[in-house]
Amino acid sequence: MSMSTVLITGANRGIGLELARQFAARGDDVIGVCRHSSPELDATASQVVSGIDVTGEADVHTVSESLEGRSLDLLINNAGLLQDEKLGEIDFDSIRTQMEINAYAPLRVVEALLPNLRSGSKVANITSRMGSIADNDSGGRYGYRASKAALNAFGRSLAMDLEPRGIAVAQLHPGFVQTRMVNFGGFISPEEAARGLVARIDGLSLDNTGSFWHSNGEALPW
């Protein structure tokens, strides 16, 4: 397999960092985008673009400029935010923030980096099964669920719009992963989650573009 150029948002820790490690370990050229870099990312990525808030148009334009016209084989929208809201005391600013980071930002990044994507490129949106409306049997998490459902809708539209250009798009659920986002209370390690995500990305093609998968390969309901 020839070396690929992979751009990952939210690459400084958690699943993003582990994805960066696994792609770099197999010889891929990794570009890590984040608000604040980490020693681990600095040691892993071939290029780090830090100081980036993916919800800001100017910051995303900075990412585009940093690529200097280089083509991307893979764009991974990984940056995300999980907060909780309780019915009766809902913080609508919290919901709005999660929509900006989890849904609007990935669409903003794809829009800005369209010139860097070409036939054969792939886009992987790191979403959540909590964005599945059919799978919601416990309620709550209004902002997170809604923002990930919106990301799934955006991702599906991107898949349809980019298919004629030869670009495949997937919505990928990592699993319940032991990261800072969930106070390290998950079921699987970042390493295991990233291995599954990499396998799904490797298997992504124009034949299955627009799908919503668990990192273990299970197709998830919308």
N, C-alpha and C. Protein backbone atom coordinates (compact mmCIF):
# COMPACT_ATOMS: atom_id res chain seq x y z
N MET A 1 0.85 -1.19 0.00
CA MET A 1 0.00 0.00 0.00
C MET A 1 0.89 1.24 0.00
N SER A 2 0.64 2.18 -0.92
CA SER A 2 1.46 3.37 -1.00
C SER A 2 1.10 4.33 0.13
N MET A 3 2.01 5.23 0.43
CA MET A 3 1.80 6.18 1.52
C MET A 3 0.65 7.11 1.20
N SER A 4 -0.21 7.32 2.18
CA SER A 4 -1.34 8.22 2.03
C SER A 4 -1.13 9.47 2.88
N THR A 5 -1.78 10.55 2.48
CA THR A 5 -1.77 11.77 3.28
C THR A 5 -3.11 11.85 4.01
N VAL A 6 -3.04 11.87 5.34
CA VAL A 6 -4.22 11.78 6.21
C VAL A 6 -4.29 13.02 7.08
N LEU A 7 -5.42 13.72 7.05
CA LEU A 7 -5.62 14.86 7.95
C LEU A 7 -6.66 14.49 8.99
N ILE A 8 -6.34 14.71 10.27
CA ILE A 8 -7.21 14.34 11.38
C ILE A 8 -7.46 15.57 12.25
N THR A 9 -8.72 15.93 12.49
CA THR A 9 -9.02 17.00 13.44
C THR A 9 -9.15 16.42 14.84
N GLY A 10 -8.88 17.24 15.85
CA GLY A 10 -8.92 16.76 17.22
C GLY A 10 -7.90 15.67 17.46
N ALA A 11 -6.70 15.87 16.90
CA ALA A 11 -5.70 14.79 16.84
C ALA A 11 -4.77 14.74 18.05
N ASN A 12 -4.93 15.65 18.99
CA ASN A 12 -3.94 15.77 20.07
C ASN A 12 -4.10 14.75 21.18
N ARG A 13 -5.27 14.10 21.29
CA ARG A 13 -5.47 13.12 22.37
C ARG A 13 -6.60 12.16 21.99
N GLY A 14 -6.81 11.18 22.85
CA GLY A 14 -7.94 10.26 22.68
C GLY A 14 -7.91 9.49 21.38
N ILE A 15 -9.08 9.34 20.78
CA ILE A 15 -9.21 8.56 19.54
C ILE A 15 -8.43 9.22 18.40
N GLY A 16 -8.46 10.55 18.34
CA GLY A 16 -7.73 11.25 17.27
C GLY A 16 -6.25 10.96 17.30
N LEU A 17 -5.67 10.99 18.50
CA LEU A 17 -4.24 10.71 18.64
C LEU A 17 -3.94 9.26 18.28
N GLU A 18 -4.79 8.35 18.70
CA GLU A 18 -4.55 6.93 18.41
C GLU A 18 -4.68 6.66 16.92
N LEU A 19 -5.62 7.32 16.25
CA LEU A 19 -5.71 7.21 14.79
C LEU A 19 -4.43 7.72 14.14
N ALA A 20 -3.94 8.86 14.63
CA ALA A 20 -2.70 9.43 14.10
C ALA A 20 -1.56 8.43 14.25
N ARG A 21 -1.48 7.81 15.42
CA ARG A 21 -0.41 6.83 15.68
C ARG A 21 -0.49 5.65 14.72
N GLN A 22 -1.70 5.15 14.52
CA GLN A 22 -1.83 3.94 13.70
C GLN A 22 -1.58 4.22 12.22
N PHE A 23 -2.02 5.37 11.75
CA PHE A 23 -1.72 5.70 10.35
C PHE A 23 -0.23 5.99 10.16
N ALA A 24 0.37 6.69 11.13
CA ALA A 24 1.80 6.99 11.03
C ALA A 24 2.63 5.71 11.09
N ALA A 25 2.19 4.76 11.92
CA ALA A 25 2.94 3.52 12.09
C ALA A 25 3.01 2.70 10.81
N ARG A 26 2.02 2.88 9.95
CA ARG A 26 2.07 2.12 8.70
C ARG A 26 2.66 2.95 7.56
N GLY A 27 3.21 4.11 7.91
CA GLY A 27 3.96 4.89 6.93
C GLY A 27 3.20 6.01 6.27
N ASP A 28 1.98 6.28 6.75
CA ASP A 28 1.21 7.38 6.15
C ASP A 28 1.70 8.73 6.67
N ASP A 29 1.44 9.75 5.88
CA ASP A 29 1.83 11.12 6.19
C ASP A 29 0.66 11.75 6.95
N VAL A 30 0.82 11.98 8.25
CA VAL A 30 -0.30 12.43 9.09
C VAL A 30 -0.19 13.93 9.38
N ILE A 31 -1.30 14.62 9.12
CA ILE A 31 -1.42 16.04 9.47
C ILE A 31 -2.41 16.13 10.62
N GLY A 32 -1.94 16.57 11.78
CA GLY A 32 -2.79 16.66 12.95
C GLY A 32 -3.27 18.08 13.16
N VAL A 33 -4.58 18.26 13.27
CA VAL A 33 -5.18 19.57 13.48
C VAL A 33 -5.79 19.58 14.88
N CYS A 34 -5.53 20.63 15.66
CA CYS A 34 -6.03 20.67 17.03
C CYS A 34 -6.00 22.10 17.58
N ARG A 35 -6.69 22.28 18.69
CA ARG A 35 -6.62 23.57 19.39
C ARG A 35 -5.28 23.72 20.08
N HIS A 36 -4.86 22.67 20.80
CA HIS A 36 -3.58 22.69 21.51
C HIS A 36 -2.88 21.37 21.22
N SER A 37 -1.67 21.43 20.76
CA SER A 37 -0.95 20.19 20.47
C SER A 37 -0.54 19.51 21.76
N SER A 38 -0.01 18.30 21.62
CA SER A 38 0.49 17.54 22.76
C SER A 38 1.83 16.96 22.36
N PRO A 39 2.69 16.65 23.34
CA PRO A 39 3.98 16.02 22.99
C PRO A 39 3.79 14.75 22.19
N GLU A 40 2.72 14.00 22.50
CA GLU A 40 2.46 12.74 21.80
C GLU A 40 2.14 13.00 20.33
N LEU A 41 1.34 14.04 20.05
CA LEU A 41 1.02 14.35 18.65
C LEU A 41 2.25 14.88 17.93
N ASP A 42 3.01 15.74 18.61
CA ASP A 42 4.22 16.29 18.00
C ASP A 42 5.19 15.19 17.59
N ALA A 43 5.20 14.11 18.36
CA ALA A 43 6.11 12.99 18.08
C ALA A 43 5.58 12.05 17.00
N THR A 44 4.31 12.24 16.64
CA THR A 44 3.64 11.29 15.73
C THR A 44 3.40 11.85 14.34
N ALA A 45 2.84 13.06 14.29
CA ALA A 45 2.41 13.65 13.01
C ALA A 45 3.59 14.25 12.26
N SER A 46 3.52 14.22 10.95
CA SER A 46 4.56 14.87 10.15
C SER A 46 4.32 16.38 10.08
N GLN A 47 3.08 16.80 10.35
CA GLN A 47 2.75 18.23 10.39
C GLN A 47 1.65 18.43 11.42
N VAL A 48 1.80 19.42 12.28
CA VAL A 48 0.77 19.76 13.26
C VAL A 48 0.30 21.18 13.00
N VAL A 49 -1.00 21.35 12.88
CA VAL A 49 -1.59 22.68 12.72
C VAL A 49 -2.38 22.93 13.99
N SER A 50 -1.79 23.68 14.91
CA SER A 50 -2.43 23.91 16.20
C SER A 50 -3.01 25.32 16.28
N GLY A 51 -3.71 25.59 17.38
CA GLY A 51 -4.38 26.88 17.52
C GLY A 51 -5.64 26.96 16.69
N ILE A 52 -6.19 25.80 16.32
CA ILE A 52 -7.33 25.76 15.40
C ILE A 52 -8.62 25.44 16.15
N ASP A 53 -9.59 26.33 16.03
CA ASP A 53 -10.96 26.08 16.49
C ASP A 53 -11.78 25.77 15.24
N VAL A 54 -12.19 24.50 15.09
CA VAL A 54 -12.84 24.08 13.85
C VAL A 54 -14.21 24.71 13.65
N THR A 55 -14.72 25.43 14.66
CA THR A 55 -16.00 26.11 14.48
C THR A 55 -15.81 27.49 13.84
N GLY A 56 -14.57 27.93 13.70
CA GLY A 56 -14.32 29.27 13.17
C GLY A 56 -13.90 29.26 11.71
N GLU A 57 -14.53 30.09 10.92
CA GLU A 57 -14.25 30.13 9.48
C GLU A 57 -12.79 30.50 9.22
N ALA A 58 -12.27 31.50 9.96
CA ALA A 58 -10.90 31.94 9.73
C ALA A 58 -9.91 30.84 10.09
N ASP A 59 -10.17 30.11 11.20
CA ASP A 59 -9.26 29.03 11.60
C ASP A 59 -9.26 27.90 10.58
N VAL A 60 -10.44 27.56 10.07
CA VAL A 60 -10.52 26.49 9.08
C VAL A 60 -9.82 26.92 7.78
N HIS A 61 -9.91 28.20 7.46
CA HIS A 61 -9.19 28.72 6.30
C HIS A 61 -7.67 28.59 6.51
N THR A 62 -7.23 28.78 7.75
CA THR A 62 -5.81 28.60 8.08
C THR A 62 -5.36 27.16 7.80
N VAL A 63 -6.22 26.20 8.14
CA VAL A 63 -5.92 24.79 7.85
C VAL A 63 -5.75 24.60 6.34
N SER A 64 -6.69 25.15 5.59
CA SER A 64 -6.63 25.05 4.13
C SER A 64 -5.32 25.64 3.60
N GLU A 65 -4.95 26.81 4.09
CA GLU A 65 -3.72 27.46 3.63
C GLU A 65 -2.48 26.64 3.99
N SER A 66 -2.53 25.98 5.15
CA SER A 66 -1.36 25.21 5.61
C SER A 66 -1.07 24.02 4.69
N LEU A 67 -2.08 23.58 3.96
CA LEU A 67 -1.89 22.43 3.06
C LEU A 67 -1.17 22.82 1.77
N GLU A 68 -1.18 24.11 1.46
CA GLU A 68 -0.49 24.61 0.27
C GLU A 68 -0.86 23.83 -0.99
N GLY A 69 -2.14 23.50 -1.10
CA GLY A 69 -2.63 22.84 -2.31
C GLY A 69 -2.40 21.34 -2.37
N ARG A 70 -1.83 20.76 -1.31
CA ARG A 70 -1.59 19.31 -1.31
C ARG A 70 -2.89 18.54 -1.32
N SER A 71 -2.90 17.41 -1.99
CA SER A 71 -4.07 16.53 -2.01
C SER A 71 -4.13 15.70 -0.73
N LEU A 72 -5.34 15.47 -0.27
CA LEU A 72 -5.56 14.58 0.88
C LEU A 72 -6.17 13.27 0.39
N ASP A 73 -5.59 12.17 0.85
CA ASP A 73 -6.19 10.86 0.56
C ASP A 73 -7.32 10.57 1.54
N LEU A 74 -7.20 11.10 2.75
CA LEU A 74 -8.18 10.83 3.78
C LEU A 74 -8.33 12.03 4.69
N LEU A 75 -9.59 12.44 4.92
CA LEU A 75 -9.93 13.50 5.86
C LEU A 75 -10.78 12.87 6.96
N ILE A 76 -10.31 12.96 8.22
CA ILE A 76 -11.06 12.40 9.35
C ILE A 76 -11.54 13.55 10.23
N ASN A 77 -12.85 13.75 10.25
CA ASN A 77 -13.46 14.74 11.14
C ASN A 77 -13.70 14.08 12.49
N ASN A 78 -12.79 14.31 13.42
CA ASN A 78 -12.82 13.62 14.71
C ASN A 78 -13.12 14.55 15.89
N ALA A 79 -12.81 15.84 15.76
CA ALA A 79 -13.01 16.76 16.89
C ALA A 79 -14.46 16.70 17.34
N GLY A 80 -14.69 16.62 18.65
CA GLY A 80 -16.05 16.53 19.15
C GLY A 80 -16.16 16.98 20.59
N LEU A 81 -17.41 17.18 21.02
CA LEU A 81 -17.70 17.61 22.39
C LEU A 81 -18.92 16.87 22.91
N LEU A 82 -18.80 16.31 24.12
CA LEU A 82 -19.92 15.63 24.78
C LEU A 82 -20.27 16.38 26.05
N GLN A 83 -21.52 16.88 26.12
CA GLN A 83 -22.03 17.48 27.34
C GLN A 83 -23.39 16.86 27.63
N ASP A 84 -23.90 17.11 28.81
CA ASP A 84 -25.16 16.49 29.22
C ASP A 84 -26.17 17.56 29.58
N GLU A 85 -27.43 17.30 29.25
CA GLU A 85 -28.51 18.20 29.64
C GLU A 85 -29.63 17.39 30.26
N LYS A 86 -30.28 17.98 31.24
CA LYS A 86 -31.36 17.31 31.94
C LYS A 86 -32.65 18.06 31.68
N LEU A 87 -33.68 17.33 31.28
CA LEU A 87 -34.97 17.95 31.01
C LEU A 87 -35.45 18.68 32.26
N GLY A 88 -35.89 19.92 32.06
CA GLY A 88 -36.30 20.74 33.19
C GLY A 88 -35.26 21.79 33.54
N GLU A 89 -34.03 21.53 33.13
CA GLU A 89 -32.95 22.51 33.35
C GLU A 89 -31.98 22.50 32.18
N ILE A 90 -32.54 22.52 30.97
CA ILE A 90 -31.72 22.42 29.76
C ILE A 90 -30.95 23.71 29.51
N ASP A 91 -29.67 23.55 29.23
CA ASP A 91 -28.79 24.66 28.88
C ASP A 91 -28.71 24.71 27.34
N PHE A 92 -29.45 25.66 26.76
CA PHE A 92 -29.50 25.71 25.30
C PHE A 92 -28.19 26.20 24.69
N ASP A 93 -27.41 26.94 25.46
CA ASP A 93 -26.08 27.33 24.96
C ASP A 93 -25.20 26.09 24.80
N SER A 94 -25.35 25.14 25.72
CA SER A 94 -24.60 23.88 25.63
C SER A 94 -24.99 23.12 24.36
N ILE A 95 -26.28 23.07 24.09
CA ILE A 95 -26.75 22.38 22.88
C ILE A 95 -26.21 23.08 21.63
N ARG A 96 -26.25 24.41 21.65
CA ARG A 96 -25.77 25.18 20.50
C ARG A 96 -24.28 24.92 20.27
N THR A 97 -23.51 24.89 21.34
CA THR A 97 -22.06 24.64 21.23
C THR A 97 -21.78 23.27 20.64
N GLN A 98 -22.53 22.25 21.10
CA GLN A 98 -22.33 20.90 20.58
C GLN A 98 -22.72 20.81 19.11
N MET A 99 -23.76 21.54 18.70
CA MET A 99 -24.11 21.57 17.28
C MET A 99 -22.98 22.18 16.46
N GLU A 100 -22.40 23.27 16.97
CA GLU A 100 -21.30 23.94 16.25
C GLU A 100 -20.10 23.01 16.07
N ILE A 101 -19.71 22.31 17.15
CA ILE A 101 -18.51 21.48 17.11
C ILE A 101 -18.75 20.14 16.43
N ASN A 102 -19.85 19.49 16.79
CA ASN A 102 -20.07 18.11 16.32
C ASN A 102 -20.69 18.02 14.93
N ALA A 103 -21.45 19.02 14.52
CA ALA A 103 -22.15 18.95 13.24
C ALA A 103 -21.65 19.98 12.23
N TYR A 104 -21.73 21.27 12.61
CA TYR A 104 -21.38 22.30 11.64
C TYR A 104 -19.89 22.27 11.29
N ALA A 105 -19.04 22.03 12.29
CA ALA A 105 -17.59 22.08 12.03
C ALA A 105 -17.13 21.05 10.99
N PRO A 106 -17.56 19.78 11.10
CA PRO A 106 -17.14 18.83 10.06
C PRO A 106 -17.57 19.26 8.65
N LEU A 107 -18.78 19.80 8.54
CA LEU A 107 -19.25 20.26 7.23
C LEU A 107 -18.40 21.45 6.77
N ARG A 108 -18.08 22.33 7.70
CA ARG A 108 -17.24 23.50 7.39
C ARG A 108 -15.85 23.05 6.91
N VAL A 109 -15.30 22.03 7.56
CA VAL A 109 -13.97 21.53 7.19
C VAL A 109 -14.00 20.91 5.80
N VAL A 110 -15.01 20.09 5.52
CA VAL A 110 -15.11 19.47 4.19
C VAL A 110 -15.26 20.55 3.12
N GLU A 111 -16.12 21.52 3.39
CA GLU A 111 -16.34 22.62 2.43
C GLU A 111 -15.03 23.34 2.13
N ALA A 112 -14.26 23.62 3.19
CA ALA A 112 -13.01 24.37 3.01
C ALA A 112 -11.94 23.56 2.30
N LEU A 113 -11.95 22.24 2.52
CA LEU A 113 -10.89 21.39 1.97
C LEU A 113 -11.30 20.66 0.69
N LEU A 114 -12.44 21.02 0.12
CA LEU A 114 -12.87 20.42 -1.15
C LEU A 114 -11.78 20.48 -2.23
N PRO A 115 -11.05 21.61 -2.34
CA PRO A 115 -10.00 21.66 -3.37
C PRO A 115 -8.88 20.65 -3.14
N ASN A 116 -8.76 20.13 -1.91
CA ASN A 116 -7.70 19.18 -1.58
C ASN A 116 -8.14 17.73 -1.72
N LEU A 117 -9.42 17.53 -2.00
CA LEU A 117 -9.94 16.17 -2.18
C LEU A 117 -10.05 15.89 -3.67
N ARG A 118 -9.76 14.66 -4.05
CA ARG A 118 -9.80 14.30 -5.48
C ARG A 118 -10.40 12.91 -5.61
N SER A 119 -10.57 12.44 -6.81
CA SER A 119 -11.11 11.10 -7.02
C SER A 119 -10.23 10.08 -6.31
N GLY A 120 -10.85 9.24 -5.50
CA GLY A 120 -10.10 8.27 -4.71
C GLY A 120 -9.91 8.69 -3.26
N SER A 121 -10.15 9.96 -2.96
CA SER A 121 -10.06 10.42 -1.57
C SER A 121 -11.23 9.88 -0.76
N LYS A 122 -11.07 9.89 0.57
CA LYS A 122 -12.14 9.44 1.47
C LYS A 122 -12.34 10.45 2.59
N VAL A 123 -13.57 10.52 3.08
CA VAL A 123 -13.91 11.35 4.24
C VAL A 123 -14.54 10.45 5.28
N ALA A 124 -14.01 10.49 6.50
CA ALA A 124 -14.58 9.71 7.61
C ALA A 124 -15.03 10.67 8.69
N ASN A 125 -16.33 10.67 8.97
CA ASN A 125 -16.88 11.48 10.04
C ASN A 125 -17.03 10.61 11.28
N ILE A 126 -16.32 10.97 12.37
CA ILE A 126 -16.44 10.21 13.61
C ILE A 126 -17.70 10.68 14.32
N THR A 127 -18.71 9.84 14.28
CA THR A 127 -20.01 10.19 14.83
C THR A 127 -20.26 9.31 16.06
N SER A 128 -21.51 9.01 16.34
CA SER A 128 -21.85 8.18 17.50
C SER A 128 -23.17 7.48 17.25
N ARG A 129 -23.32 6.27 17.81
CA ARG A 129 -24.62 5.61 17.71
C ARG A 129 -25.65 6.38 18.50
N MET A 130 -25.22 7.32 19.37
CA MET A 130 -26.17 8.19 20.06
C MET A 130 -26.84 9.16 19.10
N GLY A 131 -26.29 9.26 17.88
CA GLY A 131 -26.93 10.04 16.83
C GLY A 131 -28.00 9.25 16.08
N SER A 132 -28.15 7.98 16.44
CA SER A 132 -29.19 7.15 15.82
C SER A 132 -30.52 7.40 16.51
N ILE A 133 -31.52 7.83 15.75
CA ILE A 133 -32.85 8.06 16.32
C ILE A 133 -33.53 6.73 16.63
N ALA A 134 -33.32 5.74 15.75
CA ALA A 134 -33.94 4.42 15.97
C ALA A 134 -33.38 3.72 17.21
N ASP A 135 -32.14 4.02 17.54
CA ASP A 135 -31.44 3.32 18.63
C ASP A 135 -31.63 4.01 19.99
N ASN A 136 -32.32 5.14 20.01
CA ASN A 136 -32.46 5.91 21.26
C ASN A 136 -33.57 5.31 22.12
N ASP A 137 -33.17 4.56 23.16
CA ASP A 137 -34.16 3.99 24.07
C ASP A 137 -33.93 4.44 25.51
N SER A 138 -33.09 5.48 25.67
CA SER A 138 -32.82 5.95 27.03
C SER A 138 -32.95 7.46 27.21
N GLY A 139 -33.20 8.20 26.11
CA GLY A 139 -33.44 9.64 26.23
C GLY A 139 -32.21 10.43 26.64
N GLY A 140 -32.44 11.67 27.08
CA GLY A 140 -31.36 12.53 27.55
C GLY A 140 -30.35 12.90 26.49
N ARG A 141 -29.23 13.50 26.94
CA ARG A 141 -28.13 13.88 26.05
C ARG A 141 -28.64 14.63 24.82
N TYR A 142 -29.49 15.62 25.04
CA TYR A 142 -30.18 16.29 23.93
C TYR A 142 -29.21 16.89 22.91
N GLY A 143 -28.22 17.61 23.40
CA GLY A 143 -27.29 18.26 22.48
C GLY A 143 -26.42 17.29 21.73
N TYR A 144 -25.91 16.29 22.44
CA TYR A 144 -25.01 15.33 21.80
C TYR A 144 -25.76 14.49 20.77
N ARG A 145 -26.93 13.97 21.17
CA ARG A 145 -27.71 13.16 20.24
C ARG A 145 -28.09 13.96 18.99
N ALA A 146 -28.61 15.16 19.20
CA ALA A 146 -29.07 15.97 18.07
C ALA A 146 -27.91 16.37 17.16
N SER A 147 -26.77 16.71 17.76
CA SER A 147 -25.63 17.14 16.94
C SER A 147 -25.05 15.98 16.14
N LYS A 148 -25.04 14.79 16.72
CA LYS A 148 -24.53 13.64 15.97
C LYS A 148 -25.54 13.17 14.92
N ALA A 149 -26.84 13.32 15.20
CA ALA A 149 -27.85 13.02 14.18
C ALA A 149 -27.70 13.99 13.01
N ALA A 150 -27.44 15.26 13.32
CA ALA A 150 -27.23 16.25 12.26
C ALA A 150 -25.97 15.92 11.47
N LEU A 151 -24.91 15.50 12.16
CA LEU A 151 -23.68 15.10 11.46
C LEU A 151 -23.96 13.92 10.53
N ASN A 152 -24.77 12.97 10.99
CA ASN A 152 -25.11 11.83 10.13
C ASN A 152 -25.86 12.30 8.88
N ALA A 153 -26.77 13.26 9.06
CA ALA A 153 -27.52 13.80 7.91
C ALA A 153 -26.57 14.53 6.95
N PHE A 154 -25.68 15.33 7.51
CA PHE A 154 -24.70 16.03 6.67
C PHE A 154 -23.82 15.02 5.93
N GLY A 155 -23.37 13.99 6.66
CA GLY A 155 -22.49 13.00 6.07
C GLY A 155 -23.14 12.24 4.92
N ARG A 156 -24.41 11.92 5.10
CA ARG A 156 -25.13 11.22 4.04
C ARG A 156 -25.26 12.11 2.79
N SER A 157 -25.56 13.38 3.00
CA SER A 157 -25.64 14.31 1.86
C SER A 157 -24.28 14.48 1.20
N LEU A 158 -23.23 14.58 2.00
CA LEU A 158 -21.88 14.68 1.44
C LEU A 158 -21.56 13.46 0.58
N ALA A 159 -21.96 12.28 1.06
CA ALA A 159 -21.69 11.05 0.30
C ALA A 159 -22.36 11.11 -1.07
N MET A 160 -23.61 11.59 -1.11
CA MET A 160 -24.33 11.68 -2.39
C MET A 160 -23.69 12.73 -3.30
N ASP A 161 -23.31 13.87 -2.72
CA ASP A 161 -22.78 14.96 -3.54
C ASP A 161 -21.35 14.69 -4.01
N LEU A 162 -20.59 13.93 -3.21
CA LEU A 162 -19.17 13.69 -3.57
C LEU A 162 -18.98 12.43 -4.40
N GLU A 163 -19.99 11.57 -4.44
CA GLU A 163 -19.85 10.32 -5.20
C GLU A 163 -19.48 10.57 -6.66
N PRO A 164 -20.12 11.54 -7.35
CA PRO A 164 -19.74 11.77 -8.75
C PRO A 164 -18.29 12.22 -8.91
N ARG A 165 -17.71 12.73 -7.84
CA ARG A 165 -16.30 13.16 -7.90
C ARG A 165 -15.35 12.03 -7.53
N GLY A 166 -15.91 10.86 -7.20
CA GLY A 166 -15.08 9.71 -6.85
C GLY A 166 -14.61 9.71 -5.41
N ILE A 167 -15.31 10.47 -4.54
CA ILE A 167 -14.93 10.59 -3.13
C ILE A 167 -15.96 9.87 -2.27
N ALA A 168 -15.50 8.94 -1.43
CA ALA A 168 -16.38 8.14 -0.58
C ALA A 168 -16.41 8.72 0.83
N VAL A 169 -17.59 8.60 1.48
CA VAL A 169 -17.81 9.19 2.81
C VAL A 169 -18.43 8.15 3.73
N ALA A 170 -17.95 8.08 4.97
CA ALA A 170 -18.54 7.17 5.95
C ALA A 170 -18.80 7.90 7.26
N GLN A 171 -19.86 7.47 7.97
CA GLN A 171 -20.14 7.89 9.34
C GLN A 171 -19.73 6.72 10.24
N LEU A 172 -18.81 6.96 11.16
CA LEU A 172 -18.24 5.86 11.94
C LEU A 172 -18.39 6.10 13.44
N HIS A 173 -18.94 5.10 14.13
CA HIS A 173 -19.07 5.11 15.59
C HIS A 173 -17.91 4.33 16.17
N PRO A 174 -17.08 4.96 17.03
CA PRO A 174 -15.89 4.27 17.53
C PRO A 174 -16.19 3.14 18.50
N GLY A 175 -17.36 3.18 19.17
CA GLY A 175 -17.62 2.33 20.31
C GLY A 175 -17.57 3.19 21.56
N PHE A 176 -17.81 2.60 22.72
CA PHE A 176 -17.74 3.32 23.99
C PHE A 176 -16.30 3.23 24.47
N VAL A 177 -15.55 4.30 24.19
CA VAL A 177 -14.09 4.25 24.30
C VAL A 177 -13.60 4.95 25.57
N GLN A 178 -12.57 4.37 26.18
CA GLN A 178 -11.99 4.90 27.41
C GLN A 178 -11.15 6.13 27.11
N THR A 179 -11.84 7.29 27.05
CA THR A 179 -11.15 8.55 26.79
C THR A 179 -11.57 9.57 27.85
N ARG A 180 -10.88 10.70 27.84
CA ARG A 180 -11.19 11.78 28.78
C ARG A 180 -12.63 12.26 28.63
N MET A 181 -13.16 12.18 27.39
CA MET A 181 -14.52 12.66 27.13
C MET A 181 -15.55 11.97 28.03
N VAL A 182 -15.31 10.69 28.35
CA VAL A 182 -16.25 9.93 29.20
C VAL A 182 -15.59 9.56 30.53
N ASN A 183 -14.61 10.39 30.95
CA ASN A 183 -13.89 10.14 32.21
C ASN A 183 -13.28 8.73 32.24
N PHE A 184 -12.85 8.27 31.08
CA PHE A 184 -12.16 6.98 30.94
C PHE A 184 -13.03 5.80 31.38
N GLY A 185 -14.36 5.95 31.27
CA GLY A 185 -15.27 4.89 31.74
C GLY A 185 -15.78 3.98 30.64
N GLY A 186 -15.16 3.99 29.47
CA GLY A 186 -15.67 3.21 28.34
C GLY A 186 -15.39 1.72 28.44
N PHE A 187 -15.81 1.00 27.40
CA PHE A 187 -15.67 -0.46 27.35
C PHE A 187 -14.41 -0.91 26.61
N ILE A 188 -13.94 -0.10 25.66
CA ILE A 188 -12.79 -0.52 24.85
C ILE A 188 -11.72 0.57 24.86
N SER A 189 -10.50 0.17 24.59
CA SER A 189 -9.38 1.11 24.59
C SER A 189 -9.37 1.94 23.31
N PRO A 190 -8.74 3.11 23.35
CA PRO A 190 -8.58 3.89 22.13
C PRO A 190 -7.87 3.09 21.03
N GLU A 191 -6.90 2.24 21.44
CA GLU A 191 -6.17 1.44 20.45
C GLU A 191 -7.11 0.50 19.69
N GLU A 192 -7.98 -0.19 20.45
CA GLU A 192 -8.92 -1.12 19.82
C GLU A 192 -9.93 -0.38 18.94
N ALA A 193 -10.43 0.74 19.44
CA ALA A 193 -11.38 1.53 18.65
C ALA A 193 -10.75 2.01 17.35
N ALA A 194 -9.53 2.53 17.47
CA ALA A 194 -8.85 3.04 16.27
C ALA A 194 -8.57 1.93 15.27
N ARG A 195 -8.20 0.75 15.75
CA ARG A 195 -7.98 -0.38 14.83
C ARG A 195 -9.24 -0.67 14.02
N GLY A 196 -10.38 -0.68 14.70
CA GLY A 196 -11.64 -0.92 14.01
C GLY A 196 -11.98 0.19 13.03
N LEU A 197 -11.74 1.44 13.44
CA LEU A 197 -12.02 2.58 12.56
C LEU A 197 -11.14 2.52 11.31
N VAL A 198 -9.86 2.19 11.50
CA VAL A 198 -8.95 2.10 10.35
C VAL A 198 -9.42 1.00 9.39
N ALA A 199 -9.88 -0.12 9.95
CA ALA A 199 -10.37 -1.21 9.10
C ALA A 199 -11.60 -0.77 8.31
N ARG A 200 -12.50 -0.02 8.95
CA ARG A 200 -13.70 0.46 8.24
C ARG A 200 -13.30 1.45 7.14
N ILE A 201 -12.35 2.32 7.45
CA ILE A 201 -11.90 3.31 6.46
C ILE A 201 -11.23 2.60 5.28
N ASP A 202 -10.40 1.60 5.58
CA ASP A 202 -9.75 0.85 4.50
C ASP A 202 -10.80 0.17 3.61
N GLY A 203 -11.92 -0.24 4.21
CA GLY A 203 -12.97 -0.93 3.45
C GLY A 203 -13.97 0.00 2.79
N LEU A 204 -13.81 1.31 3.04
CA LEU A 204 -14.74 2.29 2.46
C LEU A 204 -14.48 2.45 0.97
N SER A 205 -15.56 2.44 0.18
CA SER A 205 -15.44 2.61 -1.27
C SER A 205 -16.70 3.31 -1.79
N LEU A 206 -16.73 3.56 -3.06
CA LEU A 206 -17.93 4.17 -3.65
C LEU A 206 -19.11 3.20 -3.61
N ASP A 207 -18.83 1.89 -3.44
CA ASP A 207 -19.91 0.91 -3.37
C ASP A 207 -20.66 0.98 -2.04
N ASN A 208 -19.98 1.41 -0.96
CA ASN A 208 -20.67 1.46 0.34
C ASN A 208 -20.65 2.87 0.93
N THR A 209 -20.39 3.87 0.11
CA THR A 209 -20.36 5.25 0.58
C THR A 209 -21.70 5.64 1.19
N GLY A 210 -21.64 6.52 2.19
CA GLY A 210 -22.87 6.99 2.84
C GLY A 210 -23.35 6.12 3.97
N SER A 211 -22.59 5.08 4.32
CA SER A 211 -23.01 4.14 5.36
C SER A 211 -22.69 4.66 6.75
N PHE A 212 -23.34 4.05 7.75
CA PHE A 212 -23.19 4.39 9.17
C PHE A 212 -22.80 3.10 9.88
N TRP A 213 -21.54 3.02 10.32
CA TRP A 213 -21.00 1.79 10.86
C TRP A 213 -20.48 1.95 12.28
N HIS A 214 -20.56 0.88 13.04
CA HIS A 214 -19.81 0.71 14.28
C HIS A 214 -18.39 0.33 13.88
N SER A 215 -17.41 0.68 14.71
CA SER A 215 -16.02 0.34 14.37
C SER A 215 -15.81 -1.17 14.25
N ASN A 216 -16.72 -1.97 14.86
CA ASN A 216 -16.58 -3.44 14.76
C ASN A 216 -17.15 -4.00 13.46
N GLY A 217 -17.65 -3.11 12.58
CA GLY A 217 -18.16 -3.54 11.28
C GLY A 217 -19.67 -3.65 11.20
N GLU A 218 -20.35 -3.53 12.34
CA GLU A 218 -21.82 -3.63 12.36
C GLU A 218 -22.44 -2.39 11.71
N ALA A 219 -23.40 -2.59 10.82
CA ALA A 219 -24.14 -1.47 10.25
C ALA A 219 -25.13 -0.97 11.29
N LEU A 220 -25.16 0.36 11.50
CA LEU A 220 -26.03 0.93 12.52
C LEU A 220 -27.29 1.54 11.91
N PRO A 221 -28.39 1.54 12.65
CA PRO A 221 -29.63 2.13 12.14
C PRO A 221 -29.60 3.65 12.23
N TRP A 222 -30.24 4.29 11.29
CA TRP A 222 -30.31 5.76 11.32
C TRP A 222 -31.28 6.21 12.41
